[in-house]
Protein backbone atom coordinates (compact mmCIF):
# COMPACT_ATOMS: atom_id res chain seq x y z
CA MET A 1 29.99 13.48 -17.09
CA LYS A 2 30.66 10.29 -15.15
CA THR A 3 29.08 11.76 -12.00
CA ASN A 4 25.96 12.84 -13.88
CA ARG A 5 25.66 9.43 -15.53
CA CYS A 6 25.91 7.64 -12.17
CA ARG A 7 23.28 9.95 -10.70
CA HIS A 8 21.00 9.26 -13.66
CA ILE A 9 21.39 5.49 -13.22
CA LEU A 10 20.63 5.80 -9.49
CA LEU A 11 17.46 7.76 -10.27
CA LEU A 12 16.31 5.07 -12.72
CA ILE A 13 16.84 2.42 -10.04
CA ILE A 14 14.91 4.45 -7.45
CA LEU A 15 11.98 5.20 -9.72
CA SER A 16 11.70 1.64 -11.05
CA LEU A 17 11.78 0.36 -7.47
CA PHE A 18 8.86 2.52 -6.43
CA GLY A 19 6.94 2.08 -9.65
CA ASN A 20 6.71 -1.67 -8.94
CA SER A 21 -2.50 -2.39 -2.56
CA CYS A 22 -16.40 10.42 -7.30
CA HIS A 23 -18.31 12.48 -9.31
CA THR A 24 -17.56 15.62 -7.30
CA ASP A 25 -14.92 16.80 -4.88
CA ASP A 26 -17.38 15.93 -2.08
CA SER A 27 -17.27 12.29 -3.19
CA ILE A 28 -13.49 12.29 -3.07
CA GLU A 29 -13.67 13.63 0.46
CA GLU A 30 -15.64 10.52 1.40
CA VAL A 31 -12.63 8.39 0.46
CA ALA A 32 -10.61 10.18 3.11
CA GLN A 33 -13.46 10.37 5.61
CA GLU A 34 -15.34 7.10 5.33
CA ASN A 35 -17.33 7.38 8.56
CA PRO A 36 -18.17 11.00 9.43
CA GLN A 37 -20.10 9.83 12.51
CA GLN A 38 -16.84 8.96 14.22
CA ASN A 39 -14.67 11.73 15.65
CA PHE A 40 -11.75 12.09 13.28
CA VAL A 41 -8.33 11.74 14.87
CA LYS A 42 -5.49 12.59 12.52
CA PHE A 43 -3.01 9.76 12.18
CA GLU A 44 -0.02 12.04 11.79
CA ALA A 45 3.00 9.80 12.39
CA TYR A 46 4.07 6.16 12.60
CA HIS A 47 7.23 4.11 12.87
CA PHE A 48 7.83 2.07 9.73
CA MET A 49 8.12 -1.17 11.71
CA TYR A 50 4.32 -1.15 12.32
CA MET A 51 3.50 -1.22 8.61
CA HIS A 52 4.36 -3.49 5.69
CA TYR A 53 7.80 -2.31 4.66
CA PRO A 54 10.41 -4.66 3.15
CA SER A 55 13.13 -6.20 5.27
CA GLY A 56 16.51 -4.58 5.79
CA VAL A 57 15.43 -0.96 6.35
CA MET A 58 17.77 1.50 8.09
CA ALA A 59 15.86 3.97 10.28
CA GLY A 60 17.48 7.03 8.69
CA ASN A 61 17.34 10.72 9.63
CA ASN A 62 14.01 10.68 11.51
CA ASN A 63 14.62 7.51 13.54
CA GLY A 64 12.29 5.53 11.29
CA VAL A 65 9.24 7.76 11.83
CA VAL A 66 7.09 8.71 8.84
CA GLN A 67 4.87 11.81 9.04
CA ILE A 68 1.55 12.53 7.34
CA GLU A 69 0.02 15.96 6.75
CA TYR A 70 -3.66 16.70 6.05
CA ASP A 71 -5.58 19.42 4.22
CA ASN A 72 -8.43 21.45 5.69
CA GLN A 73 -10.89 18.67 4.76
CA ASN A 74 -8.92 16.11 6.79
CA ARG A 75 -7.64 14.38 3.66
CA PRO A 76 -4.01 13.20 3.55
CA LYS A 77 -2.02 15.64 1.43
CA LYS A 78 1.61 14.70 2.10
CA ARG A 79 3.65 11.80 3.43
CA ILE A 80 7.17 12.63 4.56
CA GLY A 81 9.55 9.68 4.61
CA GLY A 82 10.31 7.02 2.02
CA LEU A 83 12.83 4.38 1.03
CA LEU A 84 16.01 4.76 -0.99
CA PRO A 85 18.13 1.74 -1.96
CA LEU A 86 21.45 1.15 -0.21
CA SER A 87 24.57 -0.73 -1.19
CA GLY A 88 24.65 -4.28 0.13
CA SER A 89 27.92 -3.48 1.86
CA THR A 90 26.02 -1.39 4.43
CA GLY A 91 24.18 -4.43 5.77
CA PHE A 92 20.84 -2.84 4.85
CA ASN A 93 18.71 -2.89 1.70
CA TYR A 94 17.13 0.56 2.11
CA ILE A 95 17.29 3.73 4.14
CA LEU A 96 14.15 5.59 5.20
CA THR A 97 14.73 9.29 4.64
CA THR A 98 12.64 12.45 4.91
CA ASP A 99 14.16 13.56 1.59
CA TYR A 100 11.61 11.23 -0.02
CA THR A 101 8.10 12.71 0.09
CA GLU A 102 4.76 11.98 -1.56
CA GLU A 103 2.31 14.81 -2.28
CA ILE A 104 -1.38 14.18 -2.96
CA THR A 105 -3.81 16.35 -4.93
CA TYR A 106 -7.53 15.81 -5.40
CA GLY A 107 -9.71 16.41 -8.43
CA ASN A 108 -12.93 15.15 -9.98
CA ASN A 109 -12.91 11.35 -10.10
CA GLU A 110 -9.20 11.01 -9.37
CA ILE A 111 -6.44 11.44 -6.81
CA LEU A 112 -2.84 12.08 -7.87
CA LEU A 113 0.26 11.08 -5.91
CA ARG A 114 3.61 12.65 -6.80
CA VAL A 115 7.04 11.57 -5.56
CA LYS A 116 9.44 14.39 -4.76
CA MET A 117 13.11 14.39 -3.77
CA PRO A 118 15.44 17.41 -3.53
CA SER A 119 18.96 17.85 -4.90
CA PRO A 120 21.03 15.87 -5.78
CA TYR A 121 18.15 13.64 -6.96
CA ASN A 122 15.89 16.45 -8.27
CA VAL A 123 12.88 14.15 -8.61
CA ASP A 124 9.33 15.42 -9.14
CA VAL A 125 7.26 12.75 -10.88
CA LEU A 126 3.68 11.56 -10.97
CA ARG A 127 3.88 8.10 -9.47
CA THR A 128 0.26 6.92 -8.92
CA ILE A 129 -3.21 7.82 -10.18
CA PHE A 130 -6.28 6.68 -8.22
CA LYS A 131 -9.65 6.64 -9.96
CA THR A 132 -12.68 7.09 -7.71
CA GLU A 133 -16.39 6.49 -7.97
CA ASN A 134 -19.10 7.16 -5.39
CA GLY A 135 -16.49 7.92 -2.76
CA LYS A 136 -14.48 4.73 -3.29
CA ILE A 137 -11.14 4.05 -4.95
CA THR A 138 -11.92 1.82 -7.92
CA ARG A 139 -8.61 1.80 -9.78
CA LYS A 140 -4.97 2.33 -8.86
CA ILE A 141 -2.50 3.04 -11.66
CA LYS A 142 1.23 3.05 -10.91
CA ILE A 143 3.02 5.01 -13.60
CA ASP A 144 5.96 3.00 -14.90
CA THR A 145 8.57 3.54 -17.60
CA TYR A 146 7.54 0.44 -19.53
CA THR A 147 3.96 -0.33 -18.54
CA ASN A 148 1.31 1.01 -16.20
CA ASP A 149 0.71 -1.34 -13.28
CA THR A 150 -3.05 -1.34 -12.64
CA ILE A 151 -5.28 -2.71 -9.88
CA ASP A 152 -9.09 -2.58 -10.12
CA TYR A 153 -11.04 -2.78 -6.84
CA PHE A 154 -14.54 -4.19 -6.34
CA TYR A 155 -16.70 -3.62 -3.27
CA ASN A 156 -19.52 -5.10 -1.27
CA ASN A 157 -20.93 -2.01 0.42
CA ASP A 158 -17.83 -0.31 1.88
CA ARG A 159 -15.54 -3.36 1.89
CA ILE A 160 -13.09 -4.31 -0.82
CA VAL A 161 -13.90 -7.93 -1.65
CA ASN A 162 -11.99 -8.45 -4.90
CA SER A 163 -9.18 -6.87 -6.90
CA LEU A 164 -7.73 -7.59 -10.33
CA HIS A 165 -4.08 -6.82 -11.03
CA LYS A 166 -2.72 -6.36 -14.54
CA ARG A 167 0.28 -4.96 -16.32
CA ILE A 168 0.30 -5.56 -20.07
CA PHE A 169 -1.53 -8.84 -19.41
CA PRO A 170 -3.64 -9.94 -16.41
CA VAL A 171 -1.46 -10.82 -13.41
CA SER A 172 -3.60 -11.96 -10.48
CA ASP A 173 -7.05 -12.17 -8.97
CA THR A 174 -7.29 -11.36 -5.24
CA LYS A 175 -10.15 -12.06 -2.87
CA TYR A 176 -10.58 -10.46 0.58
CA TYR A 177 -12.33 -12.32 3.41
CA TYR A 178 -13.69 -10.65 6.55
CA ASN A 179 -14.78 -11.92 9.94
CA SER A 180 -18.01 -10.94 11.71
CA ALA A 181 -16.30 -7.93 13.35
CA GLY A 182 -15.47 -6.41 9.96
CA ASN A 183 -11.78 -7.30 10.11
CA VAL A 184 -9.88 -8.97 7.27
CA ASP A 185 -8.86 -12.48 8.27
CA SER A 186 -7.34 -13.54 4.95
CA ILE A 187 -6.42 -12.34 1.47
CA VAL A 188 -5.98 -14.94 -1.27
CA SER A 189 -4.28 -14.16 -4.60
CA ARG A 190 -4.18 -16.51 -7.57
CA PRO A 191 -2.37 -15.90 -10.86
CA PHE A 192 -3.94 -15.59 -14.28
CA LEU A 193 -2.71 -18.34 -16.62
CA TYR A 194 -2.98 -18.38 -20.38
CA ASN A 195 -5.21 -21.11 -21.78
CA GLN A 196 -3.93 -22.18 -25.18
CA ASN A 197 -7.22 -23.83 -26.12
CA THR A 198 -9.46 -20.84 -25.47
CA GLN A 199 -6.67 -18.29 -26.01
CA THR A 200 -7.78 -16.39 -22.91
CA TRP A 201 -6.31 -15.54 -19.53
CA GLN A 202 -8.02 -17.47 -16.74
CA VAL A 203 -7.87 -18.02 -12.98
CA ASP A 204 -8.44 -21.47 -11.47
CA ASN A 205 -10.05 -20.78 -8.09
CA SER A 206 -9.63 -24.41 -7.08
CA SER A 207 -5.89 -24.41 -7.77
CA LYS A 208 -3.41 -24.86 -4.93
CA TYR A 209 -1.14 -22.34 -6.68
CA ARG A 210 -1.75 -19.18 -4.65
CA THR A 211 -0.50 -16.65 -2.11
CA LEU A 212 -2.30 -16.59 1.21
CA GLN A 213 -2.06 -13.68 3.66
CA THR A 214 -3.62 -14.13 7.10
CA PHE A 215 -4.31 -11.51 9.78
CA LYS A 216 -4.79 -12.50 13.41
CA ASP A 217 -4.93 -11.31 17.01
CA TYR A 218 -7.04 -8.19 16.51
CA ASP A 219 -7.44 -5.67 19.31
CA ASN A 220 -10.61 -3.72 20.17
CA SER A 221 -9.21 -0.27 19.37
CA PRO A 222 -10.48 1.75 16.40
CA ASN A 223 -8.25 1.56 13.33
CA PRO A 224 -6.60 4.99 12.81
CA THR A 225 -5.24 4.06 9.35
CA LYS A 226 -8.54 3.59 7.52
CA LYS A 227 -8.15 6.83 5.56
CA LEU A 228 -4.67 5.90 4.33
CA MET A 229 -5.20 3.09 1.83
CA LEU A 230 -3.50 5.35 -0.75
CA PHE A 231 -0.14 4.25 0.63
CA ASP A 232 1.13 0.77 -0.28
CA GLU A 233 2.72 0.02 3.08
CA ILE A 234 -0.50 0.93 4.95
CA PHE A 235 -3.05 -0.61 2.57
CA ASN A 236 -3.45 -3.93 4.42
CA ARG A 237 -3.95 -2.19 7.76
CA SER A 238 -6.49 0.24 6.34
CA LEU A 239 -9.01 -2.48 5.42
CA SER A 240 -10.21 -3.47 8.89
CA VAL A 241 -12.24 -1.99 11.73
CA ASN A 242 -9.59 -2.88 14.32
CA ASN A 243 -5.84 -3.56 14.34
CA TYR A 244 -4.14 -6.92 13.79
CA LYS A 245 -1.04 -7.86 15.75
CA SER A 246 -0.06 -10.96 13.79
CA TYR A 247 0.51 -11.41 10.05
CA GLU A 248 1.61 -14.29 7.84
CA SER A 249 2.22 -14.61 4.10
CA ARG A 250 2.54 -18.03 2.45
CA SER A 251 3.03 -18.92 -1.21
CA TYR A 252 2.13 -22.36 -2.56
CA ASP A 253 3.02 -24.05 -5.85
CA PHE A 254 0.72 -26.11 -8.10
CA ASN A 255 1.15 -29.16 -5.86
CA GLY A 256 0.35 -27.25 -2.70
CA ASN A 257 3.97 -27.24 -1.51
CA LEU A 258 4.93 -24.27 0.63
CA GLY A 259 7.34 -21.86 -1.03
CA ASN A 260 7.92 -18.39 0.40
CA PHE A 261 6.89 -17.80 3.99
CA SER A 262 7.09 -14.68 6.14
CA THR A 263 5.56 -13.60 9.41
CA LYS A 264 5.36 -10.47 11.56
CA THR A 265 4.07 -9.77 15.04
CA TRP A 266 3.62 -6.46 16.83
CA THR A 267 3.12 -5.22 20.37
CA PHE A 268 1.08 -2.04 20.59
CA ASN A 269 1.26 0.79 23.10
CA ASN A 270 -2.21 2.16 23.83
CA ILE A 271 -3.13 5.56 25.21
CA ASN A 272 -6.85 6.22 25.83
CA ASN A 273 -7.76 3.23 23.66
CA GLN A 274 -5.70 4.62 20.76
CA ILE A 275 -2.57 2.88 19.52
CA LYS A 276 0.59 4.94 19.62
CA PHE A 277 2.25 3.82 16.40
CA THR A 278 5.36 5.96 16.83
CA ASN A 279 7.15 3.78 19.41
C-alpha cells in the first residue's frame, strides 16, 4: 500500500507539472503545413538544449534528443521524449526520457494532445486541446485538475500578434512584435489587475510592470520548426521565418526595477542551409 501511495503522489506531481505558448480536416492540415509552396522537410529530431526547456535537465536515455513522428499528411502525430522530475539530491531538476510521449490526433475544429507513459507510471491522459479556425490555432486549453489553463490567440494575417491568458480569472495580455523580415523581435506580457472601482480585470499598457522577451541574431536559414507550435518548448521558435541565436527574458516590477533575468545563446551547425538541431 505504501508503494502504491508513493507512486500515486509521484503521478500527481508529474501531471500537475505538465498541466502548468478549421472547419474541415483540410483546414487543420493547414495548421501543420502553413506554406505549401515551400518543399516540406520533416523536422524529426532535436536536442533539448536548442529549445526552451527549464534549467537543470539531465539528458536521459536518448542523450537529450527528442524525436517527432508525422502522419501521411505531414502533420506531427507523436513527440517522443519529455521531462520527469528528479530529486534535488541528483543535482538535476528533471530527466528527459523517451518513456514520456505525446500523441496528437486531429478532428474538426480541434487538435488533441495526450500524454502517455508506460509502467510503472501507467499514464494516458488528455493534456491539451487546441481549437482551430480557418487553419489557425485560436485557443489552447491545458487540462488541469483544478482549472483549465487557457490561451486565446489573435492574428494579423498569418502572424500571432496578441494572446490572452486566463485560468479562473484573466492572467496576462501578451503582444508579439515582428521585424521587417517576419521574425519576432520581442514579446511583451503584462498582467491583468483587478480594478476595485470598475470591478473589472484590466491591463495597463503603459505600466512598467511586465515581462519582456527579446530575440536577436537571426540567421538566413528557413525555420524548420514552424509546424510545431503545438509544443510548449518549441512555440517561441515556431513564430518566425528564420532562427534566432540569442534570447533574453526580463521581468520588471511596477517601478521598472529589473527582477528575474535569463539569457540563452546558441551556435548552429548548418548543412545545405538547414540547421542540424541534433548536435
